[in-house]
Amino acid sequence: MTAPLLTTDRLTLRPHVMADFDAYAELMQSNRAIHMGGPFDLAQSWQWFASDVAQWPLKGCGALAVTETATGRLVGQVILNDLPHFPERELGWMAFAPGHGYLTEAAARLRDYAFVDLGWSSLVSYIAPDNDRSIALARRLGARPDSTAAGPDPADLVFRHARVAP
């Protein structure tokens, strides 16, 4: 499966291109990656990026670059993960630039795509307990903590997203 092109009123969610790697690597090599086990070096950043992109043809899900439709400016990434070491399918996000609710808008669109277009019945977000911004974003999306669900890291909080009706 190839990555879709999705839109919202303000955003375009598109397949990554090589030019996106600079912003991705900058985030992954910074202290902002601490909630994902980082910071990472350049080689590790490339491995993460390649994995995010490669999930589309391999698993039918993966990462999409989030851009402002009006300007084309890259502001972040949203992702549907279906990884062997994750107990459940996950909705994730990363901000490359400060936004104006961009990641909430993009993550809501990708969540709806997972439920409606892909037919997924369940979706969670794994969040480090000290990542207040991601916890707030998950709550804005309507996700609720699920203390009975396992995460890839035992310390992770698991937020379960309510299924969107088709």
Protein backbone atom coordinates (compact mmCIF):
# COMPACT_ATOMS: atom_id res chain seq x y z
CA MET A 1 0.00 0.00 0.00
CA THR A 2 1.23 3.49 -0.74
CA ALA A 3 0.87 6.29 1.76
CA PRO A 4 -2.30 8.34 1.31
CA LEU A 5 -2.65 12.08 0.87
CA LEU A 6 -5.03 13.43 3.53
CA THR A 7 -6.23 16.96 4.14
CA THR A 8 -7.92 19.08 6.77
CA ASP A 9 -9.08 22.68 6.54
CA ARG A 10 -5.52 23.94 7.15
CA LEU A 11 -3.21 20.99 6.64
CA THR A 12 -1.95 18.47 4.12
CA LEU A 13 -0.80 15.11 5.44
CA ARG A 14 1.45 13.65 2.76
CA PRO A 15 4.01 10.92 2.29
CA HIS A 16 7.46 11.89 3.50
CA VAL A 17 10.10 13.00 1.01
CA MET A 18 13.85 12.97 1.53
CA ALA A 19 13.87 16.73 2.20
CA ASP A 20 11.82 16.06 5.38
CA PHE A 21 14.67 14.14 6.97
CA ASP A 22 16.56 17.26 8.10
CA ALA A 23 13.71 18.43 10.35
CA TYR A 24 13.10 14.86 11.54
CA ALA A 25 16.78 14.32 12.40
CA GLU A 26 17.01 17.68 14.14
CA LEU A 27 14.17 16.72 16.47
CA MET A 28 15.48 13.19 17.06
CA GLN A 29 18.96 14.49 17.92
CA SER A 30 17.61 17.08 20.36
CA ASN A 31 16.52 16.80 23.97
CA ARG A 32 12.91 16.88 22.70
CA ALA A 33 13.39 13.20 21.78
CA ILE A 34 13.90 12.25 25.42
CA HIS A 35 10.28 11.03 25.65
CA MET A 36 11.04 8.47 22.92
CA GLY A 37 14.29 7.19 24.42
CA GLY A 38 16.55 9.78 22.77
CA PRO A 39 18.34 11.90 21.90
CA PHE A 40 19.54 9.78 19.00
CA ASP A 41 22.55 10.10 16.75
CA LEU A 42 22.24 10.66 13.01
CA ALA A 43 22.35 6.94 12.14
CA GLN A 44 19.64 6.11 14.69
CA SER A 45 17.54 9.03 13.46
CA TRP A 46 17.80 7.65 9.93
CA GLN A 47 16.72 4.18 11.12
CA TRP A 48 13.62 5.64 12.80
CA PHE A 49 12.77 7.73 9.73
CA ALA A 50 13.23 4.79 7.37
CA SER A 51 11.06 2.58 9.60
CA ASP A 52 8.32 5.21 9.75
CA VAL A 53 8.27 5.54 5.95
CA ALA A 54 8.69 1.82 5.20
CA GLN A 55 5.64 0.75 7.16
CA TRP A 56 3.35 1.90 4.31
CA PRO A 57 4.35 -0.73 1.74
CA LEU A 58 5.08 -3.37 4.39
CA LYS A 59 2.16 -2.94 6.82
CA GLY A 60 -0.35 -0.60 5.16
CA CYS A 61 0.27 2.16 7.69
CA GLY A 62 3.07 4.50 8.66
CA ALA A 63 4.09 8.13 8.93
CA LEU A 64 2.79 11.17 7.12
CA ALA A 65 4.44 14.57 7.00
CA VAL A 66 2.20 17.37 8.27
CA THR A 67 2.41 20.59 6.24
CA GLU A 68 0.53 23.86 6.19
CA THR A 69 -1.56 23.68 3.03
CA ALA A 70 -1.27 27.42 2.36
CA THR A 71 2.54 27.57 2.60
CA GLY A 72 3.79 24.00 2.28
CA ARG A 73 5.79 24.49 5.51
CA LEU A 74 6.61 21.21 7.26
CA VAL A 75 5.33 21.38 10.84
CA GLY A 76 5.43 17.78 12.06
CA GLN A 77 4.61 14.14 11.59
CA VAL A 78 1.72 11.87 12.50
CA ILE A 79 1.98 8.11 12.35
CA LEU A 80 0.02 4.90 12.55
CA ASN A 81 2.42 2.31 13.96
CA ASP A 82 1.91 -1.43 13.59
CA LEU A 83 5.25 -2.62 14.90
CA PRO A 84 6.15 -6.14 16.04
CA HIS A 85 7.33 -4.87 19.43
CA PHE A 86 4.16 -2.81 20.10
CA PRO A 87 1.29 -4.67 21.82
CA GLU A 88 -1.31 -2.71 19.82
CA ARG A 89 -1.54 -0.40 16.84
CA GLU A 90 -0.56 3.12 17.82
CA LEU A 91 -1.30 6.69 16.79
CA GLY A 92 1.71 8.93 17.33
CA TRP A 93 2.84 12.48 16.57
CA MET A 94 5.90 14.74 16.58
CA ALA A 95 6.05 18.53 16.22
CA PHE A 96 8.89 19.92 14.12
CA ALA A 97 7.72 23.53 14.48
CA PRO A 98 5.47 25.29 16.94
CA GLY A 99 1.95 25.08 15.67
CA HIS A 100 -1.49 26.35 16.24
CA GLY A 101 -3.20 23.10 17.12
CA TYR A 102 -1.70 21.51 14.01
CA LEU A 103 -0.81 18.17 15.58
CA THR A 104 -4.23 17.80 17.20
CA GLU A 105 -5.88 18.48 13.85
CA ALA A 106 -3.53 16.14 11.96
CA ALA A 107 -3.74 13.34 14.54
CA ALA A 108 -7.56 13.53 14.55
CA ARG A 109 -7.57 13.20 10.75
CA LEU A 110 -5.22 10.21 10.82
CA ARG A 111 -7.16 8.58 13.67
CA ASP A 112 -10.35 8.88 11.64
CA TYR A 113 -8.55 7.43 8.60
CA ALA A 114 -7.45 4.42 10.67
CA PHE A 115 -10.96 3.69 11.92
CA VAL A 116 -13.01 4.55 8.83
CA ASP A 117 -10.76 3.89 5.83
CA LEU A 118 -8.54 1.13 7.22
CA GLY A 119 -11.28 -0.45 9.34
CA TRP A 120 -9.16 -0.68 12.47
CA SER A 121 -11.18 -1.54 15.57
CA SER A 122 -8.68 -0.34 18.17
CA LEU A 123 -6.04 2.37 18.45
CA VAL A 124 -3.86 3.57 21.33
CA SER A 125 -1.15 6.14 21.95
CA TYR A 126 1.89 5.23 24.06
CA ILE A 127 3.12 8.25 26.02
CA ALA A 128 5.95 8.74 28.50
CA PRO A 129 4.42 9.72 31.87
CA ASP A 130 6.36 13.02 31.97
CA ASN A 131 5.36 14.09 28.44
CA ASP A 132 2.69 16.59 29.48
CA ARG A 133 2.19 18.01 25.97
CA SER A 134 1.48 14.62 24.43
CA ILE A 135 -0.83 13.67 27.29
CA ALA A 136 -2.75 16.92 26.74
CA LEU A 137 -2.94 16.25 22.99
CA ALA A 138 -4.25 12.71 23.56
CA ARG A 139 -6.92 14.12 25.88
CA ARG A 140 -7.89 16.77 23.28
CA LEU A 141 -8.40 13.90 20.83
CA GLY A 142 -10.78 12.28 23.31
CA ALA A 143 -8.41 9.44 24.23
CA ARG A 144 -8.69 8.07 27.76
CA PRO A 145 -6.08 6.37 29.93
CA ASP A 146 -6.27 2.58 29.82
CA SER A 147 -4.42 1.24 32.85
CA THR A 148 -5.13 -2.37 31.83
CA ALA A 149 -3.30 -2.09 28.47
CA ALA A 150 0.37 -2.94 28.06
CA GLY A 151 2.84 -0.62 26.36
CA PRO A 152 6.15 -1.33 24.63
CA ASP A 153 7.83 0.22 27.69
CA PRO A 154 6.27 -0.74 31.04
CA ALA A 155 6.55 2.88 32.15
CA ASP A 156 4.45 4.16 29.23
CA LEU A 157 0.95 5.46 29.76
CA VAL A 158 -1.53 4.00 27.30
CA PHE A 159 -4.30 6.24 25.97
CA ARG A 160 -7.13 4.51 24.12
CA HIS A 161 -8.87 6.34 21.28
CA ALA A 162 -12.61 6.03 20.87
CA ARG A 163 -13.58 4.35 17.62
CA VAL A 164 -15.01 6.69 15.02
CA ALA A 165 -18.10 5.37 13.27
CA PRO A 166 -17.83 5.05 9.48
